[in-house]
Amino acid sequence: SGSAIHVLCRAGYKIDQIEVPAEP
């Protein structure tokens, strides 16, 4: 059975690794 929390953590990690634009 898939875990809602586990996929939440995976999504959070992927978001945290995104390259953030400096301008703007």
mmCIF file of all heavy atoms, coordinates in Angstrom:
data_MODEL
# 
_entry.id   MODEL 
# 
loop_
_atom_site.group_PDB 
_atom_site.id 
_atom_site.type_symbol 
_atom_site.label_atom_id 
_atom_site.label_alt_id 
_atom_site.label_comp_id 
_atom_site.label_asym_id 
_atom_site.label_entity_id 
_atom_site.label_seq_id 
_atom_site.pdbx_PDB_ins_code 
_atom_site.Cartn_x 
_atom_site.Cartn_y 
_atom_site.Cartn_z 
_atom_site.occupancy 
_atom_site.B_iso_or_equiv 
_atom_site.pdbx_formal_charge 
_atom_site.auth_seq_id 
_atom_site.auth_comp_id 
_atom_site.auth_asym_id 
_atom_site.auth_atom_id 
_atom_site.pdbx_PDB_model_num 
ATOM 1   N N   . SER A 1 1  ? 0.844  -1.197 0.000   1.00 0.00 ? 1  SER A N   1 
ATOM 2   C CA  . SER A 1 1  ? 0.000  0.000  0.000   1.00 0.00 ? 1  SER A CA  1 
ATOM 3   C C   . SER A 1 1  ? 0.878  1.245  0.000   1.00 0.00 ? 1  SER A C   1 
ATOM 4   O O   . SER A 1 1  ? 1.794  1.365  0.823   1.00 0.00 ? 1  SER A O   1 
ATOM 5   C CB  . SER A 1 1  ? -0.904 0.017  1.246   1.00 0.00 ? 1  SER A CB  1 
ATOM 6   O OG  . SER A 1 1  ? -1.844 -1.032 1.187   1.00 0.00 ? 1  SER A OG  1 
ATOM 7   N N   . GLY A 1 2  ? 0.603  2.165  -0.895  1.00 0.00 ? 2  GLY A N   1 
ATOM 8   C CA  . GLY A 1 2  ? 1.379  3.400  -0.955  1.00 0.00 ? 2  GLY A CA  1 
ATOM 9   C C   . GLY A 1 2  ? 1.102  4.316  0.224   1.00 0.00 ? 2  GLY A C   1 
ATOM 10  O O   . GLY A 1 2  ? -0.024 4.369  0.741   1.00 0.00 ? 2  GLY A O   1 
ATOM 11  N N   . SER A 1 3  ? 2.119  5.052  0.664   1.00 0.00 ? 3  SER A N   1 
ATOM 12  C CA  . SER A 1 3  ? 2.005  5.953  1.809   1.00 0.00 ? 3  SER A CA  1 
ATOM 13  C C   . SER A 1 3  ? 1.885  7.403  1.351   1.00 0.00 ? 3  SER A C   1 
ATOM 14  O O   . SER A 1 3  ? 2.739  7.903  0.604   1.00 0.00 ? 3  SER A O   1 
ATOM 15  C CB  . SER A 1 3  ? 3.225  5.815  2.720   1.00 0.00 ? 3  SER A CB  1 
ATOM 16  O OG  . SER A 1 3  ? 3.274  6.878  3.651   1.00 0.00 ? 3  SER A OG  1 
ATOM 17  N N   . ALA A 1 4  ? 0.860  8.071  1.842   1.00 0.00 ? 4  ALA A N   1 
ATOM 18  C CA  . ALA A 1 4  ? 0.684  9.484  1.521   1.00 0.00 ? 4  ALA A CA  1 
ATOM 19  C C   . ALA A 1 4  ? 1.824  10.326 2.080   1.00 0.00 ? 4  ALA A C   1 
ATOM 20  O O   . ALA A 1 4  ? 2.251  11.303 1.456   1.00 0.00 ? 4  ALA A O   1 
ATOM 21  C CB  . ALA A 1 4  ? -0.659 9.967  2.065   1.00 0.00 ? 4  ALA A CB  1 
ATOM 22  N N   . ILE A 1 5  ? 2.335  9.940  3.238   1.00 0.00 ? 5  ILE A N   1 
ATOM 23  C CA  . ILE A 1 5  ? 3.428  10.705 3.838   1.00 0.00 ? 5  ILE A CA  1 
ATOM 24  C C   . ILE A 1 5  ? 4.731  10.482 3.079   1.00 0.00 ? 5  ILE A C   1 
ATOM 25  O O   . ILE A 1 5  ? 5.507  11.414 2.855   1.00 0.00 ? 5  ILE A O   1 
ATOM 26  C CB  . ILE A 1 5  ? 3.585  10.361 5.326   1.00 0.00 ? 5  ILE A CB  1 
ATOM 27  C CG1 . ILE A 1 5  ? 2.438  10.993 6.124   1.00 0.00 ? 5  ILE A CG1 1 
ATOM 28  C CG2 . ILE A 1 5  ? 4.933  10.843 5.867   1.00 0.00 ? 5  ILE A CG2 1 
ATOM 29  C CD1 . ILE A 1 5  ? 2.500  10.742 7.619   1.00 0.00 ? 5  ILE A CD1 1 
ATOM 30  N N   . HIS A 1 6  ? 4.970  9.237  2.643   1.00 0.00 ? 6  HIS A N   1 
ATOM 31  C CA  . HIS A 1 6  ? 6.201  8.985  1.915   1.00 0.00 ? 6  HIS A CA  1 
ATOM 32  C C   . HIS A 1 6  ? 6.249  9.776  0.612   1.00 0.00 ? 6  HIS A C   1 
ATOM 33  O O   . HIS A 1 6  ? 7.286  10.359 0.255   1.00 0.00 ? 6  HIS A O   1 
ATOM 34  C CB  . HIS A 1 6  ? 6.340  7.490  1.627   1.00 0.00 ? 6  HIS A CB  1 
ATOM 35  C CG  . HIS A 1 6  ? 6.667  6.686  2.842   1.00 0.00 ? 6  HIS A CG  1 
ATOM 36  N ND1 . HIS A 1 6  ? 7.109  5.380  2.793   1.00 0.00 ? 6  HIS A ND1 1 
ATOM 37  C CD2 . HIS A 1 6  ? 6.602  7.001  4.160   1.00 0.00 ? 6  HIS A CD2 1 
ATOM 38  C CE1 . HIS A 1 6  ? 7.305  4.927  4.021   1.00 0.00 ? 6  HIS A CE1 1 
ATOM 39  N NE2 . HIS A 1 6  ? 7.002  5.904  4.869   1.00 0.00 ? 6  HIS A NE2 1 
ATOM 40  N N   . VAL A 1 7  ? 5.148  9.830  -0.117  1.00 0.00 ? 7  VAL A N   1 
ATOM 41  C CA  . VAL A 1 7  ? 5.154  10.582 -1.365  1.00 0.00 ? 7  VAL A CA  1 
ATOM 42  C C   . VAL A 1 7  ? 5.216  12.079 -1.088  1.00 0.00 ? 7  VAL A C   1 
ATOM 43  O O   . VAL A 1 7  ? 5.819  12.842 -1.856  1.00 0.00 ? 7  VAL A O   1 
ATOM 44  C CB  . VAL A 1 7  ? 3.942  10.215 -2.247  1.00 0.00 ? 7  VAL A CB  1 
ATOM 45  C CG1 . VAL A 1 7  ? 2.635  10.707 -1.657  1.00 0.00 ? 7  VAL A CG1 1 
ATOM 46  C CG2 . VAL A 1 7  ? 4.133  10.777 -3.662  1.00 0.00 ? 7  VAL A CG2 1 
ATOM 47  N N   . LEU A 1 8  ? 4.626  12.512 0.022   1.00 0.00 ? 8  LEU A N   1 
ATOM 48  C CA  . LEU A 1 8  ? 4.764  13.925 0.416   1.00 0.00 ? 8  LEU A CA  1 
ATOM 49  C C   . LEU A 1 8  ? 6.235  14.274 0.621   1.00 0.00 ? 8  LEU A C   1 
ATOM 50  O O   . LEU A 1 8  ? 6.700  15.322 0.169   1.00 0.00 ? 8  LEU A O   1 
ATOM 51  C CB  . LEU A 1 8  ? 3.952  14.181 1.677   1.00 0.00 ? 8  LEU A CB  1 
ATOM 52  C CG  . LEU A 1 8  ? 3.988  15.593 2.275   1.00 0.00 ? 8  LEU A CG  1 
ATOM 53  C CD1 . LEU A 1 8  ? 2.685  15.883 3.035   1.00 0.00 ? 8  LEU A CD1 1 
ATOM 54  C CD2 . LEU A 1 8  ? 5.155  15.789 3.240   1.00 0.00 ? 8  LEU A CD2 1 
ATOM 55  N N   . CYS A 1 9  ? 6.958  13.382 1.315   1.00 0.00 ? 9  CYS A N   1 
ATOM 56  C CA  . CYS A 1 9  ? 8.382  13.640 1.555   1.00 0.00 ? 9  CYS A CA  1 
ATOM 57  C C   . CYS A 1 9  ? 9.165  13.674 0.240   1.00 0.00 ? 9  CYS A C   1 
ATOM 58  O O   . CYS A 1 9  ? 10.048 14.523 0.056   1.00 0.00 ? 9  CYS A O   1 
ATOM 59  C CB  . CYS A 1 9  ? 8.957  12.566 2.472   1.00 0.00 ? 9  CYS A CB  1 
ATOM 60  S SG  . CYS A 1 9  ? 8.326  12.607 4.162   1.00 0.00 ? 9  CYS A SG  1 
ATOM 61  N N   . ARG A 1 10 ? 8.820  12.795 -0.669  1.00 0.00 ? 10 ARG A N   1 
ATOM 62  C CA  . ARG A 1 10 ? 9.497  12.764 -1.964  1.00 0.00 ? 10 ARG A CA  1 
ATOM 63  C C   . ARG A 1 10 ? 9.231  14.071 -2.728  1.00 0.00 ? 10 ARG A C   1 
ATOM 64  O O   . ARG A 1 10 ? 10.140 14.659 -3.319  1.00 0.00 ? 10 ARG A O   1 
ATOM 65  C CB  . ARG A 1 10 ? 9.035  11.554 -2.785  1.00 0.00 ? 10 ARG A CB  1 
ATOM 66  C CG  . ARG A 1 10 ? 9.805  11.369 -4.085  1.00 0.00 ? 10 ARG A CG  1 
ATOM 67  C CD  . ARG A 1 10 ? 9.215  10.205 -4.885  1.00 0.00 ? 10 ARG A CD  1 
ATOM 68  N NE  . ARG A 1 10 ? 9.458  8.920  -4.256  1.00 0.00 ? 10 ARG A NE  1 
ATOM 69  C CZ  . ARG A 1 10 ? 10.499 8.135  -4.491  1.00 0.00 ? 10 ARG A CZ  1 
ATOM 70  N NH1 . ARG A 1 10 ? 11.444 8.537  -5.336  1.00 0.00 ? 10 ARG A NH1 1 
ATOM 71  N NH2 . ARG A 1 10 ? 10.619 6.964  -3.898  1.00 0.00 ? 10 ARG A NH2 1 
ATOM 72  N N   . ALA A 1 11 ? 7.992  14.524 -2.686  1.00 0.00 ? 11 ALA A N   1 
ATOM 73  C CA  . ALA A 1 11 ? 7.649  15.772 -3.370  1.00 0.00 ? 11 ALA A CA  1 
ATOM 74  C C   . ALA A 1 11 ? 8.372  16.961 -2.743  1.00 0.00 ? 11 ALA A C   1 
ATOM 75  O O   . ALA A 1 11 ? 8.889  17.836 -3.449  1.00 0.00 ? 11 ALA A O   1 
ATOM 76  C CB  . ALA A 1 11 ? 6.138  15.994 -3.331  1.00 0.00 ? 11 ALA A CB  1 
ATOM 77  N N   . GLY A 1 12 ? 8.418  16.979 -1.416  1.00 0.00 ? 12 GLY A N   1 
ATOM 78  C CA  . GLY A 1 12 ? 9.124  18.052 -0.733  1.00 0.00 ? 12 GLY A CA  1 
ATOM 79  C C   . GLY A 1 12 ? 10.595 18.083 -1.099  1.00 0.00 ? 12 GLY A C   1 
ATOM 80  O O   . GLY A 1 12 ? 11.180 19.164 -1.292  1.00 0.00 ? 12 GLY A O   1 
ATOM 81  N N   . TYR A 1 13 ? 11.217 16.900 -1.199  1.00 0.00 ? 13 TYR A N   1 
ATOM 82  C CA  . TYR A 1 13 ? 12.628 16.831 -1.566  1.00 0.00 ? 13 TYR A CA  1 
ATOM 83  C C   . TYR A 1 13 ? 12.849 17.355 -2.983  1.00 0.00 ? 13 TYR A C   1 
ATOM 84  O O   . TYR A 1 13 ? 13.776 18.125 -3.241  1.00 0.00 ? 13 TYR A O   1 
ATOM 85  C CB  . TYR A 1 13 ? 13.135 15.395 -1.456  1.00 0.00 ? 13 TYR A CB  1 
ATOM 86  C CG  . TYR A 1 13 ? 14.564 15.247 -1.921  1.00 0.00 ? 13 TYR A CG  1 
ATOM 87  C CD1 . TYR A 1 13 ? 15.626 15.646 -1.113  1.00 0.00 ? 13 TYR A CD1 1 
ATOM 88  C CD2 . TYR A 1 13 ? 14.856 14.735 -3.199  1.00 0.00 ? 13 TYR A CD2 1 
ATOM 89  C CE1 . TYR A 1 13 ? 16.944 15.529 -1.546  1.00 0.00 ? 13 TYR A CE1 1 
ATOM 90  C CE2 . TYR A 1 13 ? 16.152 14.616 -3.639  1.00 0.00 ? 13 TYR A CE2 1 
ATOM 91  C CZ  . TYR A 1 13 ? 17.200 15.022 -2.809  1.00 0.00 ? 13 TYR A CZ  1 
ATOM 92  O OH  . TYR A 1 13 ? 18.501 14.914 -3.244  1.00 0.00 ? 13 TYR A OH  1 
ATOM 93  N N   . LYS A 1 14 ? 11.983 16.957 -3.906  1.00 0.00 ? 14 LYS A N   1 
ATOM 94  C CA  . LYS A 1 14 ? 12.147 17.398 -5.290  1.00 0.00 ? 14 LYS A CA  1 
ATOM 95  C C   . LYS A 1 14 ? 11.992 18.918 -5.395  1.00 0.00 ? 14 LYS A C   1 
ATOM 96  O O   . LYS A 1 14 ? 12.742 19.578 -6.122  1.00 0.00 ? 14 LYS A O   1 
ATOM 97  C CB  . LYS A 1 14 ? 11.132 16.700 -6.192  1.00 0.00 ? 14 LYS A CB  1 
ATOM 98  C CG  . LYS A 1 14 ? 11.400 15.225 -6.416  1.00 0.00 ? 14 LYS A CG  1 
ATOM 99  C CD  . LYS A 1 14 ? 10.392 14.602 -7.347  1.00 0.00 ? 14 LYS A CD  1 
ATOM 100 C CE  . LYS A 1 14 ? 10.570 15.046 -8.782  1.00 0.00 ? 14 LYS A CE  1 
ATOM 101 N NZ  . LYS A 1 14 ? 11.801 14.527 -9.406  1.00 0.00 ? 14 LYS A NZ  1 
ATOM 102 N N   . ILE A 1 15 ? 11.024 19.467 -4.656  1.00 0.00 ? 15 ILE A N   1 
ATOM 103 C CA  . ILE A 1 15 ? 10.841 20.921 -4.659  1.00 0.00 ? 15 ILE A CA  1 
ATOM 104 C C   . ILE A 1 15 ? 12.072 21.608 -4.084  1.00 0.00 ? 15 ILE A C   1 
ATOM 105 O O   . ILE A 1 15 ? 12.547 22.621 -4.602  1.00 0.00 ? 15 ILE A O   1 
ATOM 106 C CB  . ILE A 1 15 ? 9.574  21.294 -3.870  1.00 0.00 ? 15 ILE A CB  1 
ATOM 107 C CG1 . ILE A 1 15 ? 8.322  20.866 -4.642  1.00 0.00 ? 15 ILE A CG1 1 
ATOM 108 C CG2 . ILE A 1 15 ? 9.527  22.798 -3.578  1.00 0.00 ? 15 ILE A CG2 1 
ATOM 109 C CD1 . ILE A 1 15 ? 7.034  20.984 -3.853  1.00 0.00 ? 15 ILE A CD1 1 
ATOM 110 N N   . ASP A 1 16 ? 12.635 21.033 -3.027  1.00 0.00 ? 16 ASP A N   1 
ATOM 111 C CA  . ASP A 1 16 ? 13.787 21.634 -2.370  1.00 0.00 ? 16 ASP A CA  1 
ATOM 112 C C   . ASP A 1 16 ? 15.020 21.656 -3.276  1.00 0.00 ? 16 ASP A C   1 
ATOM 113 O O   . ASP A 1 16 ? 15.913 22.489 -3.082  1.00 0.00 ? 16 ASP A O   1 
ATOM 114 C CB  . ASP A 1 16 ? 14.110 20.862 -1.088  1.00 0.00 ? 16 ASP A CB  1 
ATOM 115 C CG  . ASP A 1 16 ? 15.105 21.590 -0.205  1.00 0.00 ? 16 ASP A CG  1 
ATOM 116 O OD1 . ASP A 1 16 ? 14.785 22.713 0.240   1.00 0.00 ? 16 ASP A OD1 1 
ATOM 117 O OD2 . ASP A 1 16 ? 16.201 21.044 0.035   1.00 0.00 ? 16 ASP A OD2 1 
ATOM 118 N N   . GLN A 1 17 ? 15.066 20.783 -4.258  1.00 0.00 ? 17 GLN A N   1 
ATOM 119 C CA  . GLN A 1 17 ? 16.231 20.706 -5.150  1.00 0.00 ? 17 GLN A CA  1 
ATOM 120 C C   . GLN A 1 17 ? 16.088 21.586 -6.394  1.00 0.00 ? 17 GLN A C   1 
ATOM 121 O O   . GLN A 1 17 ? 17.001 21.637 -7.213  1.00 0.00 ? 17 GLN A O   1 
ATOM 122 C CB  . GLN A 1 17 ? 16.452 19.253 -5.591  1.00 0.00 ? 17 GLN A CB  1 
ATOM 123 C CG  . GLN A 1 17 ? 16.737 18.300 -4.443  1.00 0.00 ? 17 GLN A CG  1 
ATOM 124 C CD  . GLN A 1 17 ? 17.896 18.756 -3.586  1.00 0.00 ? 17 GLN A CD  1 
ATOM 125 O OE1 . GLN A 1 17 ? 19.018 18.889 -4.080  1.00 0.00 ? 17 GLN A OE1 1 
ATOM 126 N NE2 . GLN A 1 17 ? 17.646 18.982 -2.310  1.00 0.00 ? 17 GLN A NE2 1 
ATOM 127 N N   . ILE A 1 18 ? 14.971 22.279 -6.539  1.00 0.00 ? 18 ILE A N   1 
ATOM 128 C CA  . ILE A 1 18 ? 14.747 23.072 -7.740  1.00 0.00 ? 18 ILE A CA  1 
ATOM 129 C C   . ILE A 1 18 ? 15.736 24.232 -7.826  1.00 0.00 ? 18 ILE A C   1 
ATOM 130 O O   . ILE A 1 18 ? 16.141 24.798 -6.809  1.00 0.00 ? 18 ILE A O   1 
ATOM 131 C CB  . ILE A 1 18 ? 13.289 23.602 -7.781  1.00 0.00 ? 18 ILE A CB  1 
ATOM 132 C CG1 . ILE A 1 18 ? 12.940 24.124 -9.171  1.00 0.00 ? 18 ILE A CG1 1 
ATOM 133 C CG2 . ILE A 1 18 ? 13.077 24.686 -6.735  1.00 0.00 ? 18 ILE A CG2 1 
ATOM 134 C CD1 . ILE A 1 18 ? 11.464 24.460 -9.344  1.00 0.00 ? 18 ILE A CD1 1 
ATOM 135 N N   . GLU A 1 19 ? 16.134 24.558 -9.044  1.00 0.00 ? 19 GLU A N   1 
ATOM 136 C CA  . GLU A 1 19 ? 16.998 25.717 -9.263  1.00 0.00 ? 19 GLU A CA  1 
ATOM 137 C C   . GLU A 1 19 ? 16.129 26.971 -9.221  1.00 0.00 ? 19 GLU A C   1 
ATOM 138 O O   . GLU A 1 19 ? 15.195 27.115 -10.021 1.00 0.00 ? 19 GLU A O   1 
ATOM 139 C CB  . GLU A 1 19 ? 17.719 25.603 -10.604 1.00 0.00 ? 19 GLU A CB  1 
ATOM 140 C CG  . GLU A 1 19 ? 18.693 26.732 -10.874 1.00 0.00 ? 19 GLU A CG  1 
ATOM 141 C CD  . GLU A 1 19 ? 19.453 26.555 -12.177 1.00 0.00 ? 19 GLU A CD  1 
ATOM 142 O OE1 . GLU A 1 19 ? 19.412 25.448 -12.747 1.00 0.00 ? 19 GLU A OE1 1 
ATOM 143 O OE2 . GLU A 1 19 ? 20.064 27.544 -12.631 1.00 0.00 ? 19 GLU A OE2 1 
ATOM 144 N N   . VAL A 1 20 ? 16.430 27.873 -8.299  1.00 0.00 ? 20 VAL A N   1 
ATOM 145 C CA  . VAL A 1 20 ? 15.606 29.052 -8.085  1.00 0.00 ? 20 VAL A CA  1 
ATOM 146 C C   . VAL A 1 20 ? 16.165 30.223 -8.887  1.00 0.00 ? 20 VAL A C   1 
ATOM 147 O O   . VAL A 1 20 ? 17.356 30.536 -8.775  1.00 0.00 ? 20 VAL A O   1 
ATOM 148 C CB  . VAL A 1 20 ? 15.551 29.420 -6.586  1.00 0.00 ? 20 VAL A CB  1 
ATOM 149 C CG1 . VAL A 1 20 ? 14.678 30.646 -6.358  1.00 0.00 ? 20 VAL A CG1 1 
ATOM 150 C CG2 . VAL A 1 20 ? 15.016 28.240 -5.778  1.00 0.00 ? 20 VAL A CG2 1 
ATOM 151 N N   . PRO A 1 21 ? 15.345 30.892 -9.694  1.00 0.00 ? 21 PRO A N   1 
ATOM 152 C CA  . PRO A 1 21 ? 15.833 32.042 -10.463 1.00 0.00 ? 21 PRO A CA  1 
ATOM 153 C C   . PRO A 1 21 ? 16.335 33.160 -9.543  1.00 0.00 ? 21 PRO A C   1 
ATOM 154 O O   . PRO A 1 21 ? 15.734 33.426 -8.497  1.00 0.00 ? 21 PRO A O   1 
ATOM 155 C CB  . PRO A 1 21 ? 14.596 32.503 -11.232 1.00 0.00 ? 21 PRO A CB  1 
ATOM 156 C CG  . PRO A 1 21 ? 13.653 31.353 -11.223 1.00 0.00 ? 21 PRO A CG  1 
ATOM 157 C CD  . PRO A 1 21 ? 13.925 30.613 -9.944  1.00 0.00 ? 21 PRO A CD  1 
ATOM 158 N N   . ALA A 1 22 ? 17.402 33.788 -9.946  1.00 0.00 ? 22 ALA A N   1 
ATOM 159 C CA  . ALA A 1 22 ? 17.916 34.936 -9.190  1.00 0.00 ? 22 ALA A CA  1 
ATOM 160 C C   . ALA A 1 22 ? 17.292 36.237 -9.672  1.00 0.00 ? 22 ALA A C   1 
ATOM 161 O O   . ALA A 1 22 ? 17.195 37.205 -8.915  1.00 0.00 ? 22 ALA A O   1 
ATOM 162 C CB  . ALA A 1 22 ? 19.433 35.009 -9.311  1.00 0.00 ? 22 ALA A CB  1 
ATOM 163 N N   . GLU A 1 23 ? 16.853 36.269 -10.934 1.00 0.00 ? 23 GLU A N   1 
ATOM 164 C CA  . GLU A 1 23 ? 16.273 37.477 -11.517 1.00 0.00 ? 23 GLU A CA  1 
ATOM 165 C C   . GLU A 1 23 ? 15.144 37.097 -12.466 1.00 0.00 ? 23 GLU A C   1 
ATOM 166 O O   . GLU A 1 23 ? 15.385 36.432 -13.471 1.00 0.00 ? 23 GLU A O   1 
ATOM 167 C CB  . GLU A 1 23 ? 17.349 38.262 -12.266 1.00 0.00 ? 23 GLU A CB  1 
ATOM 168 C CG  . GLU A 1 23 ? 16.883 39.593 -12.794 1.00 0.00 ? 23 GLU A CG  1 
ATOM 169 C CD  . GLU A 1 23 ? 16.386 40.534 -11.697 1.00 0.00 ? 23 GLU A CD  1 
ATOM 170 O OE1 . GLU A 1 23 ? 17.031 40.588 -10.645 1.00 0.00 ? 23 GLU A OE1 1 
ATOM 171 O OE2 . GLU A 1 23 ? 15.356 41.209 -11.920 1.00 0.00 ? 23 GLU A OE2 1 
ATOM 172 N N   . PRO A 1 24 ? 13.892 37.451 -12.158 1.00 0.00 ? 24 PRO A N   1 
ATOM 173 C CA  . PRO A 1 24 ? 13.501 38.116 -10.919 1.00 0.00 ? 24 PRO A CA  1 
ATOM 174 C C   . PRO A 1 24 ? 13.585 37.155 -9.746  1.00 0.00 ? 24 PRO A C   1 
ATOM 175 O O   . PRO A 1 24 ? 13.457 35.940 -9.925  1.00 0.00 ? 24 PRO A O   1 
ATOM 176 C CB  . PRO A 1 24 ? 12.051 38.528 -11.184 1.00 0.00 ? 24 PRO A CB  1 
ATOM 177 C CG  . PRO A 1 24 ? 11.552 37.479 -12.130 1.00 0.00 ? 24 PRO A CG  1 
ATOM 178 C CD  . PRO A 1 24 ? 12.717 37.164 -13.028 1.00 0.00 ? 24 PRO A CD  1 
# 
